[in-house]
Amino acid sequence: MKKVMLMVALVFGLVVLSAESYGQAIKYYSTEVMDEINATDEQRAAVKELVARYKVQFDAVKADKSLSKEEAQAERKKLTSARAKEYWKILNPEQTKYLKDKAKAIKEANKK
C-alpha cells in the first residue's frame, strides 16, 4: 500500500511540474521579471506608472457597455499593443534582448 501511495504521489508531482513548465507566459510587468532583468529604480517606477495608466484605460473599455464584444476586443488589442510599445522603450537593449530570447525559447519548448 505504501508503494502505491508513493507512486501516486510521484506521478502527481511529475504532472504538476510538467504543467507548470508548459505554457508559462512571461509576466513582463511583474516584480519578478524586473528583478530578473536587474531593472533600475527608474525603470521600475516607469513600468509601475505604465501599468497604472493602462489599467484605467482597460477598465474603461470593460465598463463601456455600448461597445460590442468585437469592438471591446479590438480596443483591448490596441491598448495592449500601445502598452507593449511603451514598455519596450523603458527597457535597455540588453534587457529587451533577454526577454525576447526567453519568450522565443518558451514558445519553442511549447511546440514540442
N, C-alpha and C. Protein backbone atom coordinates (compact mmCIF):
# COMPACT_ATOMS: atom_id res chain seq x y z
N MET A 1 0.82 -1.19 0.00
CA MET A 1 0.00 0.00 0.00
C MET A 1 0.87 1.27 0.00
N LYS A 2 1.96 1.22 0.79
CA LYS A 2 2.85 2.37 0.84
C LYS A 2 3.48 2.64 -0.52
N LYS A 3 3.82 1.56 -1.24
CA LYS A 3 4.43 1.72 -2.56
C LYS A 3 3.45 2.36 -3.53
N VAL A 4 2.20 1.95 -3.46
CA VAL A 4 1.17 2.51 -4.34
C VAL A 4 0.99 4.00 -4.05
N MET A 5 0.90 4.35 -2.78
CA MET A 5 0.73 5.76 -2.41
C MET A 5 1.94 6.59 -2.82
N LEU A 6 3.13 6.02 -2.65
CA LEU A 6 4.34 6.71 -3.06
C LEU A 6 4.36 6.92 -4.57
N MET A 7 3.95 5.90 -5.31
CA MET A 7 3.91 6.01 -6.77
C MET A 7 2.89 7.06 -7.21
N VAL A 8 1.73 7.08 -6.58
CA VAL A 8 0.71 8.08 -6.91
C VAL A 8 1.24 9.48 -6.63
N ALA A 9 1.90 9.65 -5.50
CA ALA A 9 2.46 10.96 -5.15
C ALA A 9 3.53 11.38 -6.15
N LEU A 10 4.37 10.44 -6.56
CA LEU A 10 5.42 10.73 -7.53
C LEU A 10 4.83 11.14 -8.87
N VAL A 11 3.86 10.39 -9.35
CA VAL A 11 3.22 10.71 -10.63
C VAL A 11 2.53 12.06 -10.55
N PHE A 12 1.82 12.31 -9.47
CA PHE A 12 1.14 13.59 -9.30
C PHE A 12 2.16 14.74 -9.32
N GLY A 13 3.28 14.55 -8.62
CA GLY A 13 4.32 15.58 -8.60
C GLY A 13 4.89 15.86 -9.97
N LEU A 14 5.10 14.81 -10.75
CA LEU A 14 5.62 14.99 -12.12
C LEU A 14 4.62 15.71 -13.00
N VAL A 15 3.35 15.38 -12.85
CA VAL A 15 2.31 16.05 -13.63
C VAL A 15 2.27 17.53 -13.30
N VAL A 16 2.33 17.85 -12.03
CA VAL A 16 2.31 19.25 -11.61
C VAL A 16 3.53 19.99 -12.15
N LEU A 17 4.70 19.40 -12.05
CA LEU A 17 5.91 20.04 -12.56
C LEU A 17 5.86 20.26 -14.06
N SER A 18 5.38 19.27 -14.80
CA SER A 18 5.33 19.43 -16.25
C SER A 18 4.28 20.46 -16.64
N ALA A 19 3.19 20.53 -15.92
CA ALA A 19 2.15 21.52 -16.22
C ALA A 19 2.66 22.92 -15.93
N GLU A 20 3.47 23.06 -14.89
CA GLU A 20 4.00 24.38 -14.55
C GLU A 20 4.98 24.88 -15.59
N SER A 21 5.77 23.98 -16.15
CA SER A 21 6.77 24.41 -17.12
C SER A 21 6.18 24.62 -18.51
N TYR A 22 5.05 24.03 -18.79
CA TYR A 22 4.44 24.16 -20.11
C TYR A 22 3.61 25.44 -20.16
N GLY A 23 3.83 26.22 -21.18
CA GLY A 23 2.99 27.38 -21.44
C GLY A 23 3.16 28.53 -20.47
N GLN A 24 4.28 28.61 -19.82
CA GLN A 24 4.49 29.69 -18.87
C GLN A 24 4.79 30.98 -19.62
N ALA A 25 3.80 31.83 -19.71
CA ALA A 25 4.00 33.12 -20.34
C ALA A 25 4.81 34.01 -19.40
N ILE A 26 5.56 34.90 -19.97
CA ILE A 26 6.36 35.82 -19.17
C ILE A 26 5.43 36.93 -18.68
N LYS A 27 5.48 37.19 -17.41
CA LYS A 27 4.68 38.27 -16.82
C LYS A 27 5.55 39.53 -16.84
N TYR A 28 5.59 40.16 -17.99
CA TYR A 28 6.52 41.25 -18.25
C TYR A 28 6.50 42.36 -17.21
N TYR A 29 5.34 42.64 -16.65
CA TYR A 29 5.20 43.79 -15.75
C TYR A 29 5.38 43.42 -14.28
N SER A 30 5.75 42.18 -14.01
CA SER A 30 5.87 41.71 -12.62
C SER A 30 7.19 42.13 -11.98
N THR A 31 7.18 42.17 -10.66
CA THR A 31 8.41 42.49 -9.95
C THR A 31 9.45 41.40 -10.14
N GLU A 32 9.00 40.16 -10.34
CA GLU A 32 9.93 39.06 -10.57
C GLU A 32 10.73 39.29 -11.85
N VAL A 33 10.05 39.71 -12.90
CA VAL A 33 10.74 39.98 -14.16
C VAL A 33 11.64 41.20 -14.00
N MET A 34 11.17 42.20 -13.30
CA MET A 34 12.00 43.39 -13.06
C MET A 34 13.28 42.99 -12.31
N ASP A 35 13.15 42.07 -11.35
CA ASP A 35 14.34 41.57 -10.64
C ASP A 35 15.24 40.79 -11.58
N GLU A 36 14.63 39.96 -12.41
CA GLU A 36 15.38 39.09 -13.32
C GLU A 36 16.24 39.88 -14.31
N ILE A 37 15.71 41.01 -14.76
CA ILE A 37 16.45 41.81 -15.74
C ILE A 37 17.26 42.93 -15.08
N ASN A 38 17.29 42.92 -13.76
CA ASN A 38 18.02 43.94 -13.00
C ASN A 38 17.57 45.35 -13.38
N ALA A 39 16.27 45.56 -13.38
CA ALA A 39 15.72 46.87 -13.73
C ALA A 39 16.13 47.91 -12.69
N THR A 40 16.39 49.10 -13.17
CA THR A 40 16.75 50.20 -12.26
C THR A 40 15.49 50.68 -11.55
N ASP A 41 15.68 51.47 -10.51
CA ASP A 41 14.54 52.05 -9.79
C ASP A 41 13.70 52.92 -10.72
N GLU A 42 14.37 53.64 -11.63
CA GLU A 42 13.65 54.49 -12.58
C GLU A 42 12.80 53.64 -13.52
N GLN A 43 13.36 52.53 -13.99
CA GLN A 43 12.61 51.64 -14.88
C GLN A 43 11.42 51.03 -14.15
N ARG A 44 11.63 50.62 -12.92
CA ARG A 44 10.54 50.03 -12.13
C ARG A 44 9.41 51.04 -11.94
N ALA A 45 9.77 52.28 -11.63
CA ALA A 45 8.77 53.33 -11.45
C ALA A 45 8.03 53.60 -12.75
N ALA A 46 8.75 53.62 -13.85
CA ALA A 46 8.13 53.87 -15.16
C ALA A 46 7.17 52.74 -15.53
N VAL A 47 7.56 51.50 -15.26
CA VAL A 47 6.69 50.35 -15.56
C VAL A 47 5.45 50.39 -14.66
N LYS A 48 5.65 50.72 -13.40
CA LYS A 48 4.52 50.80 -12.47
C LYS A 48 3.52 51.87 -12.93
N GLU A 49 4.03 53.00 -13.35
CA GLU A 49 3.17 54.09 -13.84
C GLU A 49 2.47 53.67 -15.12
N LEU A 50 3.19 52.98 -15.99
CA LEU A 50 2.62 52.50 -17.26
C LEU A 50 1.45 51.55 -16.99
N VAL A 51 1.66 50.60 -16.10
CA VAL A 51 0.62 49.63 -15.77
C VAL A 51 -0.60 50.34 -15.17
N ALA A 52 -0.38 51.28 -14.28
CA ALA A 52 -1.49 52.00 -13.65
C ALA A 52 -2.27 52.81 -14.68
N ARG A 53 -1.55 53.47 -15.57
CA ARG A 53 -2.20 54.30 -16.59
C ARG A 53 -3.06 53.45 -17.53
N TYR A 54 -2.51 52.32 -17.96
CA TYR A 54 -3.26 51.48 -18.88
C TYR A 54 -4.38 50.71 -18.18
N LYS A 55 -4.24 50.46 -16.89
CA LYS A 55 -5.31 49.78 -16.15
C LYS A 55 -6.58 50.62 -16.20
N VAL A 56 -6.42 51.92 -16.04
CA VAL A 56 -7.57 52.84 -16.11
C VAL A 56 -8.24 52.71 -17.47
N GLN A 57 -7.44 52.65 -18.53
CA GLN A 57 -7.99 52.56 -19.88
C GLN A 57 -8.67 51.20 -20.12
N PHE A 58 -8.04 50.12 -19.65
CA PHE A 58 -8.64 48.80 -19.80
C PHE A 58 -9.96 48.72 -19.02
N ASP A 59 -9.97 49.29 -17.82
CA ASP A 59 -11.20 49.30 -17.01
C ASP A 59 -12.30 50.10 -17.70
N ALA A 60 -11.93 51.19 -18.36
CA ALA A 60 -12.92 52.00 -19.08
C ALA A 60 -13.54 51.21 -20.23
N VAL A 61 -12.73 50.45 -20.94
CA VAL A 61 -13.25 49.61 -22.03
C VAL A 61 -14.18 48.56 -21.46
N LYS A 62 -13.78 47.95 -20.36
CA LYS A 62 -14.61 46.91 -19.74
C LYS A 62 -15.95 47.48 -19.28
N ALA A 63 -15.94 48.70 -18.77
CA ALA A 63 -17.16 49.32 -18.25
C ALA A 63 -18.06 49.87 -19.35
N ASP A 64 -17.52 50.08 -20.54
CA ASP A 64 -18.29 50.67 -21.65
C ASP A 64 -19.21 49.62 -22.27
N LYS A 65 -20.45 49.64 -21.84
CA LYS A 65 -21.43 48.65 -22.31
C LYS A 65 -21.96 48.97 -23.71
N SER A 66 -21.60 50.14 -24.24
CA SER A 66 -22.05 50.49 -25.60
C SER A 66 -21.21 49.77 -26.66
N LEU A 67 -20.06 49.24 -26.26
CA LEU A 67 -19.20 48.53 -27.21
C LEU A 67 -19.67 47.09 -27.37
N SER A 68 -19.65 46.62 -28.62
CA SER A 68 -19.95 45.21 -28.85
C SER A 68 -18.76 44.40 -28.35
N LYS A 69 -18.95 43.10 -28.26
CA LYS A 69 -17.87 42.22 -27.81
C LYS A 69 -16.66 42.37 -28.72
N GLU A 70 -16.90 42.43 -30.03
CA GLU A 70 -15.82 42.56 -31.00
C GLU A 70 -15.12 43.91 -30.89
N GLU A 71 -15.90 44.97 -30.69
CA GLU A 71 -15.31 46.30 -30.55
C GLU A 71 -14.45 46.40 -29.29
N ALA A 72 -14.96 45.83 -28.20
CA ALA A 72 -14.20 45.84 -26.95
C ALA A 72 -12.91 45.05 -27.10
N GLN A 73 -13.00 43.92 -27.78
CA GLN A 73 -11.81 43.09 -28.01
C GLN A 73 -10.79 43.85 -28.86
N ALA A 74 -11.26 44.53 -29.89
CA ALA A 74 -10.36 45.31 -30.75
C ALA A 74 -9.71 46.45 -29.97
N GLU A 75 -10.49 47.09 -29.11
CA GLU A 75 -9.95 48.18 -28.30
C GLU A 75 -8.90 47.67 -27.31
N ARG A 76 -9.17 46.52 -26.69
CA ARG A 76 -8.19 45.93 -25.77
C ARG A 76 -6.91 45.56 -26.51
N LYS A 77 -7.06 45.07 -27.72
CA LYS A 77 -5.89 44.71 -28.52
C LYS A 77 -5.05 45.95 -28.83
N LYS A 78 -5.71 47.07 -29.17
CA LYS A 78 -4.99 48.32 -29.43
C LYS A 78 -4.25 48.80 -28.18
N LEU A 79 -4.95 48.73 -27.04
CA LEU A 79 -4.33 49.16 -25.79
C LEU A 79 -3.13 48.28 -25.43
N THR A 80 -3.29 46.98 -25.62
CA THR A 80 -2.20 46.05 -25.32
C THR A 80 -0.99 46.34 -26.19
N SER A 81 -1.22 46.60 -27.46
CA SER A 81 -0.13 46.90 -28.38
C SER A 81 0.57 48.21 -28.00
N ALA A 82 -0.22 49.23 -27.69
CA ALA A 82 0.36 50.52 -27.32
C ALA A 82 1.15 50.41 -26.02
N ARG A 83 0.60 49.66 -25.06
CA ARG A 83 1.29 49.47 -23.78
C ARG A 83 2.62 48.74 -23.99
N ALA A 84 2.61 47.72 -24.83
CA ALA A 84 3.83 46.96 -25.11
C ALA A 84 4.90 47.85 -25.75
N LYS A 85 4.49 48.69 -26.70
CA LYS A 85 5.46 49.59 -27.34
C LYS A 85 6.12 50.51 -26.32
N GLU A 86 5.31 51.03 -25.41
CA GLU A 86 5.87 51.89 -24.37
C GLU A 86 6.78 51.10 -23.43
N TYR A 87 6.39 49.88 -23.12
CA TYR A 87 7.18 49.03 -22.22
C TYR A 87 8.58 48.79 -22.79
N TRP A 88 8.63 48.42 -24.06
CA TRP A 88 9.94 48.12 -24.66
C TRP A 88 10.83 49.36 -24.71
N LYS A 89 10.24 50.55 -24.77
CA LYS A 89 11.03 51.78 -24.77
C LYS A 89 11.66 52.04 -23.40
N ILE A 90 11.04 51.52 -22.35
CA ILE A 90 11.56 51.72 -20.99
C ILE A 90 12.83 50.89 -20.77
N LEU A 91 12.87 49.71 -21.36
CA LEU A 91 13.99 48.79 -21.14
C LEU A 91 15.18 49.15 -22.02
N ASN A 92 16.37 48.75 -21.57
CA ASN A 92 17.55 48.96 -22.41
C ASN A 92 17.68 47.79 -23.39
N PRO A 93 18.54 47.90 -24.40
CA PRO A 93 18.64 46.85 -25.43
C PRO A 93 18.97 45.46 -24.88
N GLU A 94 19.81 45.39 -23.86
CA GLU A 94 20.17 44.08 -23.30
C GLU A 94 18.97 43.42 -22.61
N GLN A 95 18.20 44.22 -21.88
CA GLN A 95 17.01 43.70 -21.21
C GLN A 95 15.98 43.23 -22.23
N THR A 96 15.81 44.03 -23.27
CA THR A 96 14.86 43.68 -24.32
C THR A 96 15.26 42.38 -24.98
N LYS A 97 16.52 42.25 -25.34
CA LYS A 97 17.00 41.03 -25.98
C LYS A 97 16.81 39.82 -25.07
N TYR A 98 17.14 39.97 -23.80
CA TYR A 98 17.00 38.88 -22.85
C TYR A 98 15.55 38.38 -22.79
N LEU A 99 14.60 39.31 -22.66
CA LEU A 99 13.20 38.91 -22.54
C LEU A 99 12.65 38.33 -23.85
N LYS A 100 13.05 38.91 -24.97
CA LYS A 100 12.58 38.38 -26.25
C LYS A 100 13.16 36.99 -26.52
N ASP A 101 14.43 36.79 -26.17
CA ASP A 101 15.03 35.45 -26.31
C ASP A 101 14.34 34.45 -25.40
N LYS A 102 14.03 34.87 -24.18
CA LYS A 102 13.34 33.98 -23.24
C LYS A 102 11.96 33.61 -23.76
N ALA A 103 11.23 34.58 -24.28
CA ALA A 103 9.90 34.32 -24.82
C ALA A 103 9.98 33.36 -26.01
N LYS A 104 10.98 33.55 -26.85
CA LYS A 104 11.17 32.67 -28.00
C LYS A 104 11.47 31.24 -27.55
N ALA A 105 12.32 31.09 -26.53
CA ALA A 105 12.66 29.76 -26.02
C ALA A 105 11.43 29.07 -25.43
N ILE A 106 10.60 29.82 -24.73
CA ILE A 106 9.38 29.24 -24.16
C ILE A 106 8.44 28.81 -25.28
N LYS A 107 8.32 29.64 -26.30
CA LYS A 107 7.46 29.30 -27.43
C LYS A 107 7.94 28.04 -28.13
N GLU A 108 9.25 27.93 -28.33
CA GLU A 108 9.82 26.73 -28.96
C GLU A 108 9.60 25.49 -28.09
N ALA A 109 9.79 25.63 -26.80
CA ALA A 109 9.61 24.49 -25.89
C ALA A 109 8.16 24.02 -25.89
N ASN A 110 7.23 24.94 -26.06
CA ASN A 110 5.81 24.57 -26.06
C ASN A 110 5.38 23.88 -27.34
N LYS A 111 6.18 24.03 -28.40
CA LYS A 111 5.85 23.37 -29.67
C LYS A 111 6.11 21.87 -29.59
N LYS A 112 7.01 21.48 -28.70
CA LYS A 112 7.42 20.08 -28.61
C LYS A 112 6.39 19.23 -27.91
